């Protein structure tokens, strides 16, 4: 299964899950689910994450199609 890189980039940039949650308008539990690949952010939230983490949406790896 494909693993997203939200947790990797957050750790690398020193950004806490609490801040990501506040900026995305979700709970820290939701952030944890994204980081642990249980669920994925929607497109709008992905762009917010990318801006906060100073990466592209592609770098987050949340929209990869494992069947390609």
PDB file of N, CA and C in Angstrom:
ATOM      1  N   UNK A   1       0.846  -1.186   0.000  1.00  0.00           N
ATOM      2  CA  UNK A   1       0.000   0.000   0.000  1.00  0.00           C
ATOM      3  C   UNK A   1       0.886   1.242   0.000  1.00  0.00           C
ATOM      4  N   UNK A   2       0.466   2.251  -0.719  1.00  0.00           N
ATOM      5  CA  UNK A   2       1.216   3.492  -0.826  1.00  0.00           C
ATOM      6  C   UNK A   2       1.170   4.261   0.487  1.00  0.00           C
ATOM      7  N   UNK A   3       2.289   4.798   0.914  1.00  0.00           N
ATOM      8  CA  UNK A   3       2.366   5.614   2.120  1.00  0.00           C
ATOM      9  C   UNK A   3       2.538   7.085   1.753  1.00  0.00           C
ATOM     10  N   UNK A   4       1.697   7.932   2.318  1.00  0.00           N
ATOM     11  CA  UNK A   4       1.875   9.363   2.074  1.00  0.00           C
ATOM     12  C   UNK A   4       3.064   9.872   2.872  1.00  0.00           C
ATOM     13  N   UNK A   5       3.451  11.110   2.617  1.00  0.00           N
ATOM     14  CA  UNK A   5       4.654  11.677   3.233  1.00  0.00           C
ATOM     15  C   UNK A   5       4.345  12.877   4.116  1.00  0.00           C
ATOM     16  N   UNK A   6       3.114  13.000   4.552  1.00  0.00           N
ATOM     17  CA  UNK A   6       2.725  14.132   5.395  1.00  0.00           C
ATOM     18  C   UNK A   6       3.549  14.149   6.677  1.00  0.00           C
ATOM     19  N   UNK A   7       3.629  13.017   7.350  1.00  0.00           N
ATOM     20  CA  UNK A   7       4.392  12.935   8.600  1.00  0.00           C
ATOM     21  C   UNK A   7       5.864  13.230   8.398  1.00  0.00           C
ATOM     22  N   UNK A   8       6.419  12.714   7.316  1.00  0.00           N
ATOM     23  CA  UNK A   8       7.830  12.959   7.009  1.00  0.00           C
ATOM     24  C   UNK A   8       8.106  14.446   6.879  1.00  0.00           C
ATOM     25  N   UNK A   9       7.295  15.136   6.071  1.00  0.00           N
ATOM     26  CA  UNK A   9       7.533  16.562   5.836  1.00  0.00           C
ATOM     27  C   UNK A   9       7.250  17.398   7.077  1.00  0.00           C
ATOM     28  N   UNK A  10       6.233  17.026   7.844  1.00  0.00           N
ATOM     29  CA  UNK A  10       5.937  17.768   9.075  1.00  0.00           C
ATOM     30  C   UNK A  10       7.110  17.669  10.045  1.00  0.00           C
ATOM     31  N   UNK A  11       7.648  16.464  10.189  1.00  0.00           N
ATOM     32  CA  UNK A  11       8.795  16.282  11.081  1.00  0.00           C
ATOM     33  C   UNK A  11      10.015  17.030  10.560  1.00  0.00           C
ATOM     34  N   UNK A  12      10.266  16.922   9.272  1.00  0.00           N
ATOM     35  CA  UNK A  12      11.424  17.585   8.670  1.00  0.00           C
ATOM     36  C   UNK A  12      11.351  19.105   8.834  1.00  0.00           C
ATOM     37  N   UNK A  13      10.146  19.658   8.732  1.00  0.00           N
ATOM     38  CA  UNK A  13       9.960  21.110   8.852  1.00  0.00           C
ATOM     39  C   UNK A  13       9.739  21.561  10.295  1.00  0.00           C
ATOM     40  N   UNK A  14       9.612  20.613  11.224  1.00  0.00           N
ATOM     41  CA  UNK A  14       9.403  20.962  12.626  1.00  0.00           C
ATOM     42  C   UNK A  14       8.023  21.529  12.898  1.00  0.00           C
ATOM     43  N   UNK A  15       7.043  21.068  12.148  1.00  0.00           N
ATOM     44  CA  UNK A  15       5.675  21.562  12.314  1.00  0.00           C
ATOM     45  C   UNK A  15       4.852  20.508  13.045  1.00  0.00           C
ATOM     46  N   UNK A  16       4.245  20.903  14.138  1.00  0.00           N
ATOM     47  CA  UNK A  16       3.470  20.000  14.982  1.00  0.00           C
ATOM     48  C   UNK A  16       2.107  19.699  14.360  1.00  0.00           C
ATOM     49  N   UNK A  17       1.588  18.539  14.709  1.00  0.00           N
ATOM     50  CA  UNK A  17       0.278  18.123  14.208  1.00  0.00           C
ATOM     51  C   UNK A  17      -0.816  19.098  14.622  1.00  0.00           C
ATOM     52  N   UNK A  18      -0.662  19.696  15.802  1.00  0.00           N
ATOM     53  CA  UNK A  18      -1.664  20.653  16.288  1.00  0.00           C
ATOM     54  C   UNK A  18      -1.780  21.850  15.337  1.00  0.00           C
ATOM     55  N   UNK A  19      -0.655  22.342  14.850  1.00  0.00           N
ATOM     56  CA  UNK A  19      -0.686  23.469  13.919  1.00  0.00           C
ATOM     57  C   UNK A  19      -1.298  23.053  12.576  1.00  0.00           C
ATOM     58  N   UNK A  20      -0.923  21.873  12.081  1.00  0.00           N
ATOM     59  CA  UNK A  20      -1.507  21.384  10.829  1.00  0.00           C
ATOM     60  C   UNK A  20      -3.016  21.278  10.966  1.00  0.00           C
ATOM     61  N   UNK A  21      -3.468  20.750  12.095  1.00  0.00           N
ATOM     62  CA  UNK A  21      -4.907  20.593  12.331  1.00  0.00           C
ATOM     63  C   UNK A  21      -5.609  21.938  12.331  1.00  0.00           C
ATOM     64  N   UNK A  22      -5.031  22.907  13.021  1.00  0.00           N
ATOM     65  CA  UNK A  22      -5.649  24.238  13.101  1.00  0.00           C
ATOM     66  C   UNK A  22      -5.750  24.872  11.717  1.00  0.00           C
ATOM     67  N   UNK A  23      -4.680  24.821  10.957  1.00  0.00           N
ATOM     68  CA  UNK A  23      -4.659  25.443   9.631  1.00  0.00           C
ATOM     69  C   UNK A  23      -5.588  24.754   8.641  1.00  0.00           C
ATOM     70  N   UNK A  24      -5.753  23.438   8.784  1.00  0.00           N
ATOM     71  CA  UNK A  24      -6.621  22.676   7.872  1.00  0.00           C
ATOM     72  C   UNK A  24      -8.067  22.627   8.341  1.00  0.00           C
ATOM     73  N   UNK A  25      -8.324  23.093   9.561  1.00  0.00           N
ATOM     74  CA  UNK A  25      -9.682  23.081  10.089  1.00  0.00           C
ATOM     75  C   UNK A  25     -10.169  21.688  10.464  1.00  0.00           C
ATOM     76  N   UNK A  26      -9.244  20.855  10.942  1.00  0.00           N
ATOM     77  CA  UNK A  26      -9.591  19.498  11.349  1.00  0.00           C
ATOM     78  C   UNK A  26      -9.000  19.229  12.730  1.00  0.00           C
ATOM     79  N   UNK A  27      -9.308  18.074  13.281  1.00  0.00           N
ATOM     80  CA  UNK A  27      -8.772  17.702  14.597  1.00  0.00           C
ATOM     81  C   UNK A  27      -7.379  17.086  14.459  1.00  0.00           C
ATOM     82  N   UNK A  28      -6.683  17.008  15.571  1.00  0.00           N
ATOM     83  CA  UNK A  28      -5.383  16.341  15.561  1.00  0.00           C
ATOM     84  C   UNK A  28      -5.542  14.845  15.300  1.00  0.00           C
ATOM     85  N   UNK A  29      -6.698  14.295  15.652  1.00  0.00           N
ATOM     86  CA  UNK A  29      -6.978  12.886  15.350  1.00  0.00           C
ATOM     87  C   UNK A  29      -7.014  12.679  13.839  1.00  0.00           C
ATOM     88  N   UNK A  30      -7.621  13.621  13.123  1.00  0.00           N
ATOM     89  CA  UNK A  30      -7.670  13.541  11.664  1.00  0.00           C
ATOM     90  C   UNK A  30      -6.273  13.619  11.076  1.00  0.00           C
ATOM     91  N   UNK A  31      -5.448  14.521  11.594  1.00  0.00           N
ATOM     92  CA  UNK A  31      -4.062  14.619  11.129  1.00  0.00           C
ATOM     93  C   UNK A  31      -3.352  13.293  11.354  1.00  0.00           C
ATOM     94  N   UNK A  32      -3.543  12.708  12.522  1.00  0.00           N
ATOM     95  CA  UNK A  32      -2.925  11.423  12.827  1.00  0.00           C
ATOM     96  C   UNK A  32      -3.374  10.348  11.835  1.00  0.00           C
ATOM     97  N   UNK A  33      -4.641  10.350  11.475  1.00  0.00           N
ATOM     98  CA  UNK A  33      -5.147   9.388  10.492  1.00  0.00           C
ATOM     99  C   UNK A  33      -4.491   9.603   9.134  1.00  0.00           C
ATOM    100  N   UNK A  34      -4.275  10.863   8.761  1.00  0.00           N
ATOM    101  CA  UNK A  34      -3.598  11.152   7.484  1.00  0.00           C
ATOM    102  C   UNK A  34      -2.158  10.655   7.535  1.00  0.00           C
ATOM    103  N   UNK A  35      -1.471  10.978   8.623  1.00  0.00           N
ATOM    104  CA  UNK A  35      -0.058  10.595   8.769  1.00  0.00           C
ATOM    105  C   UNK A  35       0.093   9.073   8.757  1.00  0.00           C
ATOM    106  N   UNK A  36      -0.848   8.375   9.374  1.00  0.00           N
ATOM    107  CA  UNK A  36      -0.789   6.919   9.459  1.00  0.00           C
ATOM    108  C   UNK A  36      -1.487   6.222   8.296  1.00  0.00           C
ATOM    109  N   UNK A  37      -1.853   7.000   7.292  1.00  0.00           N
ATOM    110  CA  UNK A  37      -2.421   6.470   6.051  1.00  0.00           C
ATOM    111  C   UNK A  37      -3.748   5.725   6.259  1.00  0.00           C
ATOM    112  N   UNK A  38      -4.509   6.146   7.274  1.00  0.00           N
ATOM    113  CA  UNK A  38      -5.838   5.569   7.502  1.00  0.00           C
ATOM    114  C   UNK A  38      -6.880   6.256   6.626  1.00  0.00           C
ATOM    115  N   UNK A  39      -6.720   7.566   6.456  1.00  0.00           N
ATOM    116  CA  UNK A  39      -7.562   8.359   5.571  1.00  0.00           C
ATOM    117  C   UNK A  39      -6.663   9.348   4.854  1.00  0.00           C
ATOM    118  N   UNK A  40      -7.233  10.089   3.912  1.00  0.00           N
ATOM    119  CA  UNK A  40      -6.449  11.077   3.166  1.00  0.00           C
ATOM    120  C   UNK A  40      -7.162  12.427   3.178  1.00  0.00           C
ATOM    121  N   UNK A  41      -6.392  13.505   3.136  1.00  0.00           N
ATOM    122  CA  UNK A  41      -7.003  14.829   3.059  1.00  0.00           C
ATOM    123  C   UNK A  41      -7.665  15.024   1.705  1.00  0.00           C
ATOM    124  N   UNK A  42      -8.654  15.911   1.691  1.00  0.00           N
ATOM    125  CA  UNK A  42      -9.241  16.238   0.399  1.00  0.00           C
ATOM    126  C   UNK A  42      -8.295  17.189  -0.343  1.00  0.00           C
ATOM    127  N   UNK A  43      -8.652  17.554  -1.540  1.00  0.00           N
ATOM    128  CA  UNK A  43      -7.763  18.361  -2.377  1.00  0.00           C
ATOM    129  C   UNK A  43      -7.450  19.716  -1.745  1.00  0.00           C
ATOM    130  N   UNK A  44      -8.474  20.396  -1.220  1.00  0.00           N
ATOM    131  CA  UNK A  44      -8.258  21.704  -0.593  1.00  0.00           C
ATOM    132  C   UNK A  44      -7.292  21.587   0.590  1.00  0.00           C
ATOM    133  N   UNK A  45      -7.513  20.584   1.437  1.00  0.00           N
ATOM    134  CA  UNK A  45      -6.641  20.388   2.592  1.00  0.00           C
ATOM    135  C   UNK A  45      -5.223  20.016   2.161  1.00  0.00           C
ATOM    136  N   UNK A  46      -5.106  19.297   1.061  1.00  0.00           N
ATOM    137  CA  UNK A  46      -3.779  18.930   0.551  1.00  0.00           C
ATOM    138  C   UNK A  46      -2.996  20.166   0.134  1.00  0.00           C
ATOM    139  N   UNK A  47      -3.676  21.126  -0.487  1.00  0.00           N
ATOM    140  CA  UNK A  47      -2.998  22.362  -0.875  1.00  0.00           C
ATOM    141  C   UNK A  47      -2.598  23.180   0.349  1.00  0.00           C
ATOM    142  N   UNK A  48      -3.434  23.175   1.372  1.00  0.00           N
ATOM    143  CA  UNK A  48      -3.081  23.869   2.619  1.00  0.00           C
ATOM    144  C   UNK A  48      -1.846  23.213   3.244  1.00  0.00           C
ATOM    145  N   UNK A  49      -1.849  21.885   3.312  1.00  0.00           N
ATOM    146  CA  UNK A  49      -0.698  21.157   3.859  1.00  0.00           C
ATOM    147  C   UNK A  49       0.569  21.452   3.067  1.00  0.00           C
ATOM    148  N   UNK A  50       0.451  21.420   1.750  1.00  0.00           N
ATOM    149  CA  UNK A  50       1.618  21.666   0.900  1.00  0.00           C
ATOM    150  C   UNK A  50       2.191  23.056   1.150  1.00  0.00           C
ATOM    151  N   UNK A  51       1.322  24.035   1.286  1.00  0.00           N
ATOM    152  CA  UNK A  51       1.786  25.406   1.561  1.00  0.00           C
ATOM    153  C   UNK A  51       2.487  25.466   2.911  1.00  0.00           C
ATOM    154  N   UNK A  52       1.873  24.889   3.939  1.00  0.00           N
ATOM    155  CA  UNK A  52       2.459  24.911   5.283  1.00  0.00           C
ATOM    156  C   UNK A  52       3.799  24.185   5.352  1.00  0.00           C
ATOM    157  N   UNK A  53       3.897  23.084   4.621  1.00  0.00           N
ATOM    158  CA  UNK A  53       5.099  22.258   4.674  1.00  0.00           C
ATOM    159  C   UNK A  53       6.133  22.650   3.630  1.00  0.00           C
ATOM    160  N   UNK A  54       5.798  23.664   2.826  1.00  0.00           N
ATOM    161  CA  UNK A  54       6.691  24.185   1.795  1.00  0.00           C
ATOM    162  C   UNK A  54       7.122  23.098   0.807  1.00  0.00           C
ATOM    163  N   UNK A  55       6.114  22.353   0.330  1.00  0.00           N
ATOM    164  CA  UNK A  55       6.325  21.312  -0.679  1.00  0.00           C
ATOM    165  C   UNK A  55       5.189  21.398  -1.690  1.00  0.00           C
ATOM    166  N   UNK A  56       5.278  20.621  -2.740  1.00  0.00           N
ATOM    167  CA  UNK A  56       4.160  20.541  -3.683  1.00  0.00           C
ATOM    168  C   UNK A  56       3.195  19.458  -3.214  1.00  0.00           C
ATOM    169  N   UNK A  57       1.986  19.505  -3.730  1.00  0.00           N
ATOM    170  CA  UNK A  57       1.012  18.454  -3.416  1.00  0.00           C
ATOM    171  C   UNK A  57       1.570  17.099  -3.848  1.00  0.00           C
ATOM    172  N   UNK A  58       2.264  17.073  -4.976  1.00  0.00           N
ATOM    173  CA  UNK A  58       2.889  15.824  -5.433  1.00  0.00           C
ATOM    174  C   UNK A  58       3.872  15.279  -4.399  1.00  0.00           C
ATOM    175  N   UNK A  59       4.622  16.166  -3.731  1.00  0.00           N
ATOM    176  CA  UNK A  59       5.579  15.728  -2.712  1.00  0.00           C
ATOM    177  C   UNK A  59       4.900  15.084  -1.503  1.00  0.00           C
ATOM    178  N   UNK A  60       3.636  15.447  -1.279  1.00  0.00           N
ATOM    179  CA  UNK A  60       2.914  14.854  -0.161  1.00  0.00           C
ATOM    180  C   UNK A  60       2.523  13.412  -0.448  1.00  0.00           C
ATOM    181  N   UNK A  61       2.366  13.087  -1.710  1.00  0.00           N
ATOM    182  CA  UNK A  61       2.065  11.714  -2.093  1.00  0.00           C
ATOM    183  C   UNK A  61       0.694  11.224  -1.698  1.00  0.00           C
ATOM    184  N   UNK A  62      -0.281  12.103  -1.576  1.00  0.00           N
ATOM    185  CA  UNK A  62      -1.600  11.668  -1.141  1.00  0.00           C
ATOM    186  C   UNK A  62      -2.520  11.249  -2.285  1.00  0.00           C
ATOM    187  N   UNK A  63      -2.164  11.562  -3.516  1.00  0.00           N
ATOM    188  CA  UNK A  63      -3.039  11.239  -4.636  1.00  0.00           C
ATOM    189  C   UNK A  63      -2.432  10.268  -5.614  1.00  0.00           C
ATOM    190  N   UNK A  64      -1.505   9.447  -5.152  1.00  0.00           N
ATOM    191  CA  UNK A  64      -0.905   8.431  -5.999  1.00  0.00           C
ATOM    192  C   UNK A  64      -1.921   7.323  -6.262  1.00  0.00           C
ATOM    193  N   UNK A  65      -1.932   6.805  -7.461  1.00  0.00           N
ATOM    194  CA  UNK A  65      -2.804   5.683  -7.793  1.00  0.00           C
ATOM    195  C   UNK A  65      -1.960   4.419  -7.802  1.00  0.00           C
ATOM    196  N   UNK A  66      -2.196   3.555  -6.837  1.00  0.00           N
ATOM    197  CA  UNK A  66      -1.372   2.363  -6.710  1.00  0.00           C
ATOM    198  C   UNK A  66      -1.599   1.374  -7.848  1.00  0.00           C
ATOM    199  N   UNK A  67      -2.621   1.592  -8.673  1.00  0.00           N
ATOM    200  CA  UNK A  67      -2.894   0.692  -9.801  1.00  0.00           C
ATOM    201  C   UNK A  67      -2.184   1.096 -11.081  1.00  0.00           C
ATOM    202  N   UNK A  68      -1.484   2.217 -11.056  1.00  0.00           N
ATOM    203  CA  UNK A  68      -0.788   2.683 -12.258  1.00  0.00           C
ATOM    204  C   UNK A  68       0.540   2.004 -12.407  1.00  0.00           C
TER     205      UNK A  68
END
